[in-house]
Amino acid sequence: MSISSGGTPAPDRTVFALMREAGPREDPPEPGPRLVESPVFIMSLMRSGSTLLRCVLDTHPLIHSPHELHLGGLGAHLKKGQLTRLSARKLGLRQTDLTYLLWDSLLHRELRRSGKRIIVEKTPANIFIHDDLARCWPGARYIFLRRHPADVVRSLVTTGICDSQEAAVGLVAEWAERLDAAQAAATRPMLVRYEDLTNDPERTCRRLTAFLGVPFDARMLAYGDADHGALDAGTGDWGANIRSGRIKRTAEYSGERPAEEIASVCERWGYAW
């Protein structure tokens, strides 16, 4: 694991491999009733504005969007050779069922604590467990957030998450494929561009609230006036921009032609370079 100049640990490939392996991996259970019937998930690459989007949504009086919950790393464990396994079998519950119940209980707890109506979860690594999210919550909704892939590469290097341009290019290419696969499989998706959120926030927020079935609230445009909890590395963005509390305009990409893998993602997503 490399360390950025600011002292923040930068995940290495081993960490990303663990992300890919996270979550339940048994035969899918039949979904049962859920405490939270229709949670919302922001699906995105890292460094794509998901923390900004969650803060904007969290400012709405009916929407709660907590820090990254990392559901893929949370799971129930049945010890081998224990009576617990016998009990679970008699209840008709497998380890996967119990994990899904844990996830649902956690979201329900957060939603009840907030006193709001809708919960929006934004962990970028959710793109690796999108199939489990869909099995756990058949009624889930998804907001797919895209940002210019070359800007994502630049941000990964600048923040020290990746210690080289080559590493950032490989990460973005891989995660973009995963994001595309998750979007193709989603039954209730909405597509949002980071550039639209920053350059035309009111229109974008009106689209988002219409999708979520709540009225637009102008307070969303001044997310810094509300408390969104601590902004820490590991559970979302922590930089100066997000801490400013203001939505800042994004300039069009003006760099040189990106690496071939990134140019390919740009073409798929409709971004010029």
C-alpha atoms as a PDB file:
ATOM      1  CA  MET A   1       0.000   0.000   0.000  1.00  0.00           C
ATOM      2  CA  SER A   2       1.418   3.372  -0.999  1.00  0.00           C
ATOM      3  CA  ILE A   3       1.093   6.526   1.084  1.00  0.00           C
ATOM      4  CA  SER A   4       0.217   9.895  -0.409  1.00  0.00           C
ATOM      5  CA  SER A   5       2.219  12.997   0.451  1.00  0.00           C
ATOM      6  CA  GLY A   6      -0.568  14.059   2.788  1.00  0.00           C
ATOM      7  CA  GLY A   7      -0.290  10.846   4.774  1.00  0.00           C
ATOM      8  CA  THR A   8      -3.500   9.273   3.442  1.00  0.00           C
ATOM      9  CA  PRO A   9      -3.204   5.546   2.664  1.00  0.00           C
ATOM     10  CA  ALA A  10      -3.690   4.811  -1.039  1.00  0.00           C
ATOM     11  CA  PRO A  11      -5.326   1.435  -1.760  1.00  0.00           C
ATOM     12  CA  ASP A  12      -3.247  -0.973  -3.818  1.00  0.00           C
ATOM     13  CA  ARG A  13      -4.367  -3.710  -6.186  1.00  0.00           C
ATOM     14  CA  THR A  14      -4.732  -6.149  -3.310  1.00  0.00           C
ATOM     15  CA  VAL A  15      -7.405  -3.948  -1.768  1.00  0.00           C
ATOM     16  CA  PHE A  16      -9.273  -3.711  -5.049  1.00  0.00           C
ATOM     17  CA  ALA A  17      -9.077  -7.487  -5.436  1.00  0.00           C
ATOM     18  CA  LEU A  18     -10.677  -7.815  -2.022  1.00  0.00           C
ATOM     19  CA  MET A  19     -13.421  -5.425  -3.125  1.00  0.00           C
ATOM     20  CA  ARG A  20     -14.124  -7.637  -6.114  1.00  0.00           C
ATOM     21  CA  GLU A  21     -14.436 -10.641  -3.822  1.00  0.00           C
ATOM     22  CA  ALA A  22     -16.613  -8.884  -1.248  1.00  0.00           C
ATOM     23  CA  GLY A  23     -20.201  -9.769  -0.558  1.00  0.00           C
ATOM     24  CA  PRO A  24     -22.294 -12.946  -0.620  1.00  0.00           C
ATOM     25  CA  ARG A  25     -21.413 -15.669  -3.093  1.00  0.00           C
ATOM     26  CA  GLU A  26     -23.960 -18.425  -2.489  1.00  0.00           C
ATOM     27  CA  ASP A  27     -26.921 -19.395  -4.622  1.00  0.00           C
ATOM     28  CA  PRO A  28     -29.319 -16.433  -4.614  1.00  0.00           C
ATOM     29  CA  PRO A  29     -32.138 -16.750  -2.081  1.00  0.00           C
ATOM     30  CA  GLU A  30     -35.723 -15.844  -2.704  1.00  0.00           C
ATOM     31  CA  PRO A  31     -36.067 -12.206  -1.635  1.00  0.00           C
ATOM     32  CA  GLY A  32     -38.253 -11.797   1.413  1.00  0.00           C
ATOM     33  CA  PRO A  33     -40.020  -8.711   2.735  1.00  0.00           C
ATOM     34  CA  ARG A  34     -37.669  -5.828   3.417  1.00  0.00           C
ATOM     35  CA  LEU A  35     -37.712  -3.095   6.034  1.00  0.00           C
ATOM     36  CA  VAL A  36     -36.495  -0.750   3.290  1.00  0.00           C
ATOM     37  CA  GLU A  37     -38.322  -1.723   0.120  1.00  0.00           C
ATOM     38  CA  SER A  38     -36.779   0.698  -2.363  1.00  0.00           C
ATOM     39  CA  PRO A  39     -33.359   2.040  -1.380  1.00  0.00           C
ATOM     40  CA  VAL A  40     -31.427   4.127  -3.872  1.00  0.00           C
ATOM     41  CA  PHE A  41     -27.828   3.447  -4.853  1.00  0.00           C
ATOM     42  CA  ILE A  42     -25.449   5.897  -6.508  1.00  0.00           C
ATOM     43  CA  MET A  43     -23.287   3.814  -8.827  1.00  0.00           C
ATOM     44  CA  SER A  44     -20.065   5.447  -9.952  1.00  0.00           C
ATOM     45  CA  LEU A  45     -16.318   5.280 -10.250  1.00  0.00           C
ATOM     46  CA  MET A  46     -14.225   6.816  -7.489  1.00  0.00           C
ATOM     47  CA  ARG A  47     -13.469  10.535  -7.886  1.00  0.00           C
ATOM     48  CA  SER A  48     -16.634  11.082  -9.916  1.00  0.00           C
ATOM     49  CA  GLY A  49     -18.532  13.456  -7.633  1.00  0.00           C
ATOM     50  CA  SER A  50     -20.543  10.914  -5.656  1.00  0.00           C
ATOM     51  CA  THR A  51     -19.841  12.693  -2.356  1.00  0.00           C
ATOM     52  CA  LEU A  52     -21.065  15.962  -3.836  1.00  0.00           C
ATOM     53  CA  LEU A  53     -24.186  14.235  -5.138  1.00  0.00           C
ATOM     54  CA  ARG A  54     -24.854  12.575  -1.784  1.00  0.00           C
ATOM     55  CA  CYS A  55     -24.492  15.899   0.066  1.00  0.00           C
ATOM     56  CA  VAL A  56     -26.829  17.616  -2.388  1.00  0.00           C
ATOM     57  CA  LEU A  57     -29.427  14.851  -2.002  1.00  0.00           C
ATOM     58  CA  ASP A  58     -28.946  14.662   1.768  1.00  0.00           C
ATOM     59  CA  THR A  59     -29.866  18.342   2.035  1.00  0.00           C
ATOM     60  CA  HIS A  60     -33.407  17.493   0.887  1.00  0.00           C
ATOM     61  CA  PRO A  61     -35.772  17.189   3.870  1.00  0.00           C
ATOM     62  CA  LEU A  62     -37.055  13.803   2.656  1.00  0.00           C
ATOM     63  CA  ILE A  63     -33.766  12.209   1.537  1.00  0.00           C
ATOM     64  CA  HIS A  64     -31.053  10.742   3.743  1.00  0.00           C
ATOM     65  CA  SER A  65     -27.694   9.969   2.146  1.00  0.00           C
ATOM     66  CA  PRO A  66     -25.089   8.846   4.692  1.00  0.00           C
ATOM     67  CA  HIS A  67     -21.359   8.378   4.249  1.00  0.00           C
ATOM     68  CA  GLU A  68     -20.204   5.274   2.368  1.00  0.00           C
ATOM     69  CA  LEU A  69     -21.486   2.183   4.185  1.00  0.00           C
ATOM     70  CA  HIS A  70     -19.332  -0.384   2.331  1.00  0.00           C
ATOM     71  CA  LEU A  71     -22.026  -3.057   2.370  1.00  0.00           C
ATOM     72  CA  GLY A  72     -19.813  -5.423   0.394  1.00  0.00           C
ATOM     73  CA  GLY A  73     -17.578  -5.790   3.423  1.00  0.00           C
ATOM     74  CA  LEU A  74     -20.456  -6.550   5.805  1.00  0.00           C
ATOM     75  CA  GLY A  75     -21.724 -10.107   6.032  1.00  0.00           C
ATOM     76  CA  ALA A  76     -23.182 -12.698   8.370  1.00  0.00           C
ATOM     77  CA  HIS A  77     -20.926 -15.595   9.325  1.00  0.00           C
ATOM     78  CA  LEU A  78     -22.131 -19.040  10.356  1.00  0.00           C
ATOM     79  CA  LYS A  79     -19.377 -20.949  12.117  1.00  0.00           C
ATOM     80  CA  LYS A  80     -18.767 -24.490  10.916  1.00  0.00           C
ATOM     81  CA  GLY A  81     -19.827 -27.298  13.184  1.00  0.00           C
ATOM     82  CA  GLN A  82     -21.907 -25.071  15.424  1.00  0.00           C
ATOM     83  CA  LEU A  83     -25.525 -25.472  16.448  1.00  0.00           C
ATOM     84  CA  THR A  84     -26.075 -22.058  14.908  1.00  0.00           C
ATOM     85  CA  ARG A  85     -25.932 -23.668  11.468  1.00  0.00           C
ATOM     86  CA  LEU A  86     -28.565 -26.226  12.443  1.00  0.00           C
ATOM     87  CA  SER A  87     -30.796 -23.486  13.774  1.00  0.00           C
ATOM     88  CA  ALA A  88     -30.378 -21.403  10.613  1.00  0.00           C
ATOM     89  CA  ARG A  89     -31.232 -24.385   8.399  1.00  0.00           C
ATOM     90  CA  LYS A  90     -34.394 -25.052  10.398  1.00  0.00           C
ATOM     91  CA  LEU A  91     -35.338 -21.413   9.882  1.00  0.00           C
ATOM     92  CA  GLY A  92     -34.750 -21.796   6.150  1.00  0.00           C
ATOM     93  CA  LEU A  93     -31.955 -19.218   6.231  1.00  0.00           C
ATOM     94  CA  ARG A  94     -28.631 -19.464   4.468  1.00  0.00           C
ATOM     95  CA  GLN A  95     -25.614 -17.282   5.082  1.00  0.00           C
ATOM     96  CA  THR A  96     -26.613 -15.131   2.116  1.00  0.00           C
ATOM     97  CA  ASP A  97     -30.120 -14.618   3.518  1.00  0.00           C
ATOM     98  CA  LEU A  98     -28.644 -13.499   6.821  1.00  0.00           C
ATOM     99  CA  THR A  99     -26.247 -11.122   5.099  1.00  0.00           C
ATOM    100  CA  TYR A 100     -29.104  -9.521   3.187  1.00  0.00           C
ATOM    101  CA  LEU A 101     -31.082  -9.173   6.425  1.00  0.00           C
ATOM    102  CA  LEU A 102     -28.057  -7.454   7.961  1.00  0.00           C
ATOM    103  CA  TRP A 103     -27.795  -5.033   5.057  1.00  0.00           C
ATOM    104  CA  ASP A 104     -31.515  -4.261   5.175  1.00  0.00           C
ATOM    105  CA  SER A 105     -31.426  -3.740   8.934  1.00  0.00           C
ATOM    106  CA  LEU A 106     -28.489  -1.339   8.636  1.00  0.00           C
ATOM    107  CA  LEU A 107     -30.212   0.798   6.003  1.00  0.00           C
ATOM    108  CA  HIS A 108     -33.428   0.769   8.016  1.00  0.00           C
ATOM    109  CA  ARG A 109     -31.543   1.862  11.130  1.00  0.00           C
ATOM    110  CA  GLU A 110     -29.943   4.770   9.288  1.00  0.00           C
ATOM    111  CA  LEU A 111     -33.223   5.811   7.709  1.00  0.00           C
ATOM    112  CA  ARG A 112     -35.080   5.747  11.031  1.00  0.00           C
ATOM    113  CA  ARG A 113     -32.354   7.769  12.734  1.00  0.00           C
ATOM    114  CA  SER A 114     -32.614  10.408  10.024  1.00  0.00           C
ATOM    115  CA  GLY A 115     -36.395  10.718  10.256  1.00  0.00           C
ATOM    116  CA  LYS A 116     -36.554  10.935   6.470  1.00  0.00           C
ATOM    117  CA  ARG A 117     -38.342   8.906   3.796  1.00  0.00           C
ATOM    118  CA  ILE A 118     -35.698   7.805   1.253  1.00  0.00           C
ATOM    119  CA  ILE A 119     -32.177   6.478   1.777  1.00  0.00           C
ATOM    120  CA  VAL A 120     -29.431   6.893  -0.842  1.00  0.00           C
ATOM    121  CA  GLU A 121     -26.182   4.899  -0.494  1.00  0.00           C
ATOM    122  CA  LYS A 122     -23.099   5.833  -2.513  1.00  0.00           C
ATOM    123  CA  THR A 123     -20.164   3.449  -2.000  1.00  0.00           C
ATOM    124  CA  PRO A 124     -18.316   3.260  -5.369  1.00  0.00           C
ATOM    125  CA  ALA A 125     -17.350  -0.397  -4.744  1.00  0.00           C
ATOM    126  CA  ASN A 126     -21.064  -1.246  -4.991  1.00  0.00           C
ATOM    127  CA  ILE A 127     -20.463  -1.730  -8.706  1.00  0.00           C
ATOM    128  CA  PHE A 128     -18.799  -5.031  -7.772  1.00  0.00           C
ATOM    129  CA  ILE A 129     -21.836  -6.307  -5.838  1.00  0.00           C
ATOM    130  CA  HIS A 130     -24.634  -4.879  -7.979  1.00  0.00           C
ATOM    131  CA  ASP A 131     -26.088  -8.354  -8.516  1.00  0.00           C
ATOM    132  CA  ASP A 132     -26.333  -8.905  -4.760  1.00  0.00           C
ATOM    133  CA  LEU A 133     -27.933  -5.496  -4.256  1.00  0.00           C
ATOM    134  CA  ALA A 134     -30.560  -6.369  -6.856  1.00  0.00           C
ATOM    135  CA  ARG A 135     -31.264  -9.737  -5.210  1.00  0.00           C
ATOM    136  CA  CYS A 136     -31.479  -8.188  -1.758  1.00  0.00           C
ATOM    137  CA  TRP A 137     -33.717  -5.330  -2.902  1.00  0.00           C
ATOM    138  CA  PRO A 138     -35.661  -6.114  -6.110  1.00  0.00           C
ATOM    139  CA  GLY A 139     -37.285  -2.694  -5.732  1.00  0.00           C
ATOM    140  CA  ALA A 140     -34.009  -0.769  -5.508  1.00  0.00           C
ATOM    141  CA  ARG A 141     -33.394   2.255  -7.709  1.00  0.00           C
ATOM    142  CA  TYR A 142     -30.058   3.279  -9.167  1.00  0.00           C
ATOM    143  CA  ILE A 143     -28.472   6.607 -10.073  1.00  0.00           C
ATOM    144  CA  PHE A 144     -25.537   6.077 -12.430  1.00  0.00           C
ATOM    145  CA  LEU A 145     -23.109   8.959 -12.087  1.00  0.00           C
ATOM    146  CA  ARG A 146     -20.507   9.526 -14.783  1.00  0.00           C
ATOM    147  CA  ARG A 147     -17.619  11.955 -15.022  1.00  0.00           C
ATOM    148  CA  HIS A 148     -15.191  12.546 -17.884  1.00  0.00           C
ATOM    149  CA  PRO A 149     -12.912   9.489 -17.607  1.00  0.00           C
ATOM    150  CA  ALA A 150      -9.737  11.517 -18.220  1.00  0.00           C
ATOM    151  CA  ASP A 151     -10.659  13.822 -15.331  1.00  0.00           C
ATOM    152  CA  VAL A 152     -11.196  10.774 -13.123  1.00  0.00           C
ATOM    153  CA  VAL A 153      -7.698   9.545 -14.022  1.00  0.00           C
ATOM    154  CA  ARG A 154      -6.215  12.935 -13.193  1.00  0.00           C
ATOM    155  CA  SER A 155      -8.047  13.097  -9.865  1.00  0.00           C
ATOM    156  CA  LEU A 156      -6.956   9.594  -8.852  1.00  0.00           C
ATOM    157  CA  VAL A 157      -3.329  10.589  -9.336  1.00  0.00           C
ATOM    158  CA  THR A 158      -3.653  14.067  -7.799  1.00  0.00           C
ATOM    159  CA  THR A 159      -5.263  12.761  -4.612  1.00  0.00           C
ATOM    160  CA  GLY A 160      -2.719   9.958  -4.269  1.00  0.00           C
ATOM    161  CA  ILE A 161      -5.270   7.163  -4.536  1.00  0.00           C
ATOM    162  CA  CYS A 162      -3.187   5.853  -7.433  1.00  0.00           C
ATOM    163  CA  ASP A 163       0.564   6.357  -7.346  1.00  0.00           C
ATOM    164  CA  SER A 164       1.003   6.507 -11.122  1.00  0.00           C
ATOM    165  CA  GLN A 165      -0.812   7.500 -14.299  1.00  0.00           C
ATOM    166  CA  GLU A 166      -0.607   3.921 -15.526  1.00  0.00           C
ATOM    167  CA  ALA A 167      -2.269   2.580 -12.387  1.00  0.00           C
ATOM    168  CA  ALA A 168      -5.062   5.157 -12.653  1.00  0.00           C
ATOM    169  CA  VAL A 169      -5.692   4.332 -16.313  1.00  0.00           C
ATOM    170  CA  GLY A 170      -5.973   0.628 -15.521  1.00  0.00           C
ATOM    171  CA  LEU A 171      -8.295   1.246 -12.599  1.00  0.00           C
ATOM    172  CA  VAL A 172     -10.637   3.523 -14.557  1.00  0.00           C
ATOM    173  CA  ALA A 173     -10.783   1.130 -17.516  1.00  0.00           C
ATOM    174  CA  GLU A 174     -11.650  -1.803 -15.249  1.00  0.00           C
ATOM    175  CA  TRP A 175     -14.168   0.046 -13.107  1.00  0.00           C
ATOM    176  CA  ALA A 176     -15.839   1.600 -16.164  1.00  0.00           C
ATOM    177  CA  GLU A 177     -16.545  -1.883 -17.512  1.00  0.00           C
ATOM    178  CA  ARG A 178     -18.052  -2.854 -14.176  1.00  0.00           C
ATOM    179  CA  LEU A 179     -20.157   0.294 -14.098  1.00  0.00           C
ATOM    180  CA  ASP A 180     -21.442  -0.357 -17.617  1.00  0.00           C
ATOM    181  CA  ALA A 181     -22.340  -3.933 -16.667  1.00  0.00           C
ATOM    182  CA  ALA A 182     -24.214  -2.737 -13.591  1.00  0.00           C
ATOM    183  CA  GLN A 183     -26.146  -0.190 -15.641  1.00  0.00           C
ATOM    184  CA  ALA A 184     -27.050  -2.785 -18.272  1.00  0.00           C
ATOM    185  CA  ALA A 185     -28.443  -5.058 -15.556  1.00  0.00           C
ATOM    186  CA  ALA A 186     -30.366  -2.376 -13.652  1.00  0.00           C
ATOM    187  CA  THR A 187     -34.135  -2.326 -14.007  1.00  0.00           C
ATOM    188  CA  ARG A 188     -34.701   1.175 -12.594  1.00  0.00           C
ATOM    189  CA  PRO A 189     -31.695   3.292 -13.606  1.00  0.00           C
ATOM    190  CA  MET A 190     -31.157   7.027 -14.008  1.00  0.00           C
ATOM    191  CA  LEU A 191     -28.077   8.502 -15.677  1.00  0.00           C
ATOM    192  CA  VAL A 192     -26.490  11.703 -14.327  1.00  0.00           C
ATOM    193  CA  ARG A 193     -23.329  13.432 -15.480  1.00  0.00           C
ATOM    194  CA  TYR A 194     -21.095  15.117 -12.955  1.00  0.00           C
ATOM    195  CA  GLU A 195     -20.630  17.995 -15.391  1.00  0.00           C
ATOM    196  CA  ASP A 196     -24.407  18.551 -15.511  1.00  0.00           C
ATOM    197  CA  LEU A 197     -24.616  18.500 -11.726  1.00  0.00           C
ATOM    198  CA  THR A 198     -21.916  21.166 -11.400  1.00  0.00           C
ATOM    199  CA  ASN A 199     -22.815  23.359 -14.383  1.00  0.00           C
ATOM    200  CA  ASP A 200     -26.616  23.175 -14.249  1.00  0.00           C
ATOM    201  CA  PRO A 201     -27.371  22.039 -10.696  1.00  0.00           C
ATOM    202  CA  GLU A 202     -30.986  23.176 -10.499  1.00  0.00           C
ATOM    203  CA  ARG A 203     -32.039  21.350 -13.652  1.00  0.00           C
ATOM    204  CA  THR A 204     -30.147  18.241 -12.552  1.00  0.00           C
ATOM    205  CA  CYS A 205     -31.664  18.347  -9.072  1.00  0.00           C
ATOM    206  CA  ARG A 206     -35.133  18.683 -10.567  1.00  0.00           C
ATOM    207  CA  ARG A 207     -34.473  15.556 -12.645  1.00  0.00           C
ATOM    208  CA  LEU A 208     -33.228  13.716  -9.576  1.00  0.00           C
ATOM    209  CA  THR A 209     -36.161  14.634  -7.365  1.00  0.00           C
ATOM    210  CA  ALA A 210     -38.618  13.710 -10.120  1.00  0.00           C
ATOM    211  CA  PHE A 211     -36.919  10.316 -10.407  1.00  0.00           C
ATOM    212  CA  LEU A 212     -37.111   9.825  -6.632  1.00  0.00           C
ATOM    213  CA  GLY A 213     -40.723  10.978  -6.432  1.00  0.00           C
ATOM    214  CA  VAL A 214     -40.219  13.983  -4.168  1.00  0.00           C
ATOM    215  CA  PRO A 215     -40.673  17.711  -4.842  1.00  0.00           C
ATOM    216  CA  PHE A 216     -37.681  19.827  -5.758  1.00  0.00           C
ATOM    217  CA  ASP A 217     -36.236  21.791  -2.842  1.00  0.00           C
ATOM    218  CA  ALA A 218     -34.021  24.808  -3.565  1.00  0.00           C
ATOM    219  CA  ARG A 219     -32.000  24.157  -0.414  1.00  0.00           C
ATOM    220  CA  MET A 220     -30.290  21.333  -2.297  1.00  0.00           C
ATOM    221  CA  LEU A 221     -28.323  23.969  -4.212  1.00  0.00           C
ATOM    222  CA  ALA A 222     -26.691  25.182  -0.973  1.00  0.00           C
ATOM    223  CA  TYR A 223     -25.670  21.859   0.561  1.00  0.00           C
ATOM    224  CA  GLY A 224     -23.093  23.564   2.774  1.00  0.00           C
ATOM    225  CA  ASP A 225     -25.887  24.991   4.924  1.00  0.00           C
ATOM    226  CA  ALA A 226     -26.750  21.489   6.194  1.00  0.00           C
ATOM    227  CA  ASP A 227     -24.837  18.992   8.326  1.00  0.00           C
ATOM    228  CA  HIS A 228     -23.745  15.897   6.396  1.00  0.00           C
ATOM    229  CA  GLY A 229     -21.488  14.356   9.012  1.00  0.00           C
ATOM    230  CA  ALA A 230     -17.714  14.151   8.990  1.00  0.00           C
ATOM    231  CA  LEU A 231     -16.001  14.173   5.590  1.00  0.00           C
ATOM    232  CA  ASP A 232     -13.243  11.615   6.023  1.00  0.00           C
ATOM    233  CA  ALA A 233     -11.009   9.589   3.720  1.00  0.00           C
ATOM    234  CA  GLY A 234     -12.374   6.081   3.313  1.00  0.00           C
ATOM    235  CA  THR A 235     -16.035   7.019   3.533  1.00  0.00           C
ATOM    236  CA  GLY A 236     -16.173   9.642   0.786  1.00  0.00           C
ATOM    237  CA  ASP A 237     -14.388  12.724  -0.515  1.00  0.00           C
ATOM    238  CA  TRP A 238     -12.553  14.806   2.059  1.00  0.00           C
ATOM    239  CA  GLY A 239     -10.963  17.566  -0.031  1.00  0.00           C
ATOM    240  CA  ALA A 240     -11.276  21.337  -0.017  1.00  0.00           C
ATOM    241  CA  ASN A 241     -13.863  21.460  -2.801  1.00  0.00           C
ATOM    242  CA  ILE A 242     -16.446  19.351  -0.990  1.00  0.00           C
ATOM    243  CA  ARG A 243     -15.737  21.152   2.280  1.00  0.00           C
ATOM    244  CA  SER A 244     -16.444  24.509   0.639  1.00  0.00           C
ATOM    245  CA  GLY A 245     -20.167  23.748   0.736  1.00  0.00           C
ATOM    246  CA  ARG A 246     -20.645  25.195  -2.750  1.00  0.00           C
ATOM    247  CA  ILE A 247     -21.320  23.560  -6.103  1.00  0.00           C
ATOM    248  CA  LYS A 248     -18.517  24.737  -8.377  1.00  0.00           C
ATOM    249  CA  ARG A 249     -18.656  24.831 -12.147  1.00  0.00           C
ATOM    250  CA  THR A 250     -16.590  22.298 -14.065  1.00  0.00           C
ATOM    251  CA  ALA A 251     -14.523  23.316 -17.080  1.00  0.00           C
ATOM    252  CA  GLU A 252     -14.589  21.196 -20.217  1.00  0.00           C
ATOM    253  CA  TYR A 253     -11.734  18.739 -20.559  1.00  0.00           C
ATOM    254  CA  SER A 254      -8.849  20.465 -22.314  1.00  0.00           C
ATOM    255  CA  GLY A 255      -5.998  18.018 -21.869  1.00  0.00           C
ATOM    256  CA  GLU A 256      -4.204  15.974 -24.471  1.00  0.00           C
ATOM    257  CA  ARG A 257      -5.588  12.808 -25.978  1.00  0.00           C
ATOM    258  CA  PRO A 258      -5.947  10.276 -23.150  1.00  0.00           C
ATOM    259  CA  ALA A 259      -4.553   6.758 -23.147  1.00  0.00           C
ATOM    260  CA  GLU A 260      -6.266   4.399 -25.558  1.00  0.00           C
ATOM    261  CA  GLU A 261      -8.167   2.583 -22.790  1.00  0.00           C
ATOM    262  CA  ILE A 262      -9.549   5.886 -21.510  1.00  0.00           C
ATOM    263  CA  ALA A 263     -10.339   7.151 -25.006  1.00  0.00           C
ATOM    264  CA  SER A 264     -12.441   4.022 -25.460  1.00  0.00           C
ATOM    265  CA  VAL A 265     -14.417   4.770 -22.297  1.00  0.00           C
ATOM    266  CA  CYS A 266     -14.872   8.378 -23.456  1.00  0.00           C
ATOM    267  CA  GLU A 267     -16.372   7.144 -26.712  1.00  0.00           C
ATOM    268  CA  ARG A 268     -18.758   4.765 -24.931  1.00  0.00           C
ATOM    269  CA  TRP A 269     -19.902   7.496 -22.568  1.00  0.00           C
ATOM    270  CA  GLY A 270     -20.125  10.287 -25.135  1.00  0.00           C
ATOM    271  CA  TYR A 271     -17.236  12.415 -23.860  1.00  0.00           C
ATOM    272  CA  ALA A 272     -14.916  14.345 -26.179  1.00  0.00           C
ATOM    273  CA  TRP A 273     -11.211  15.010 -25.594  1.00  0.00           C
END
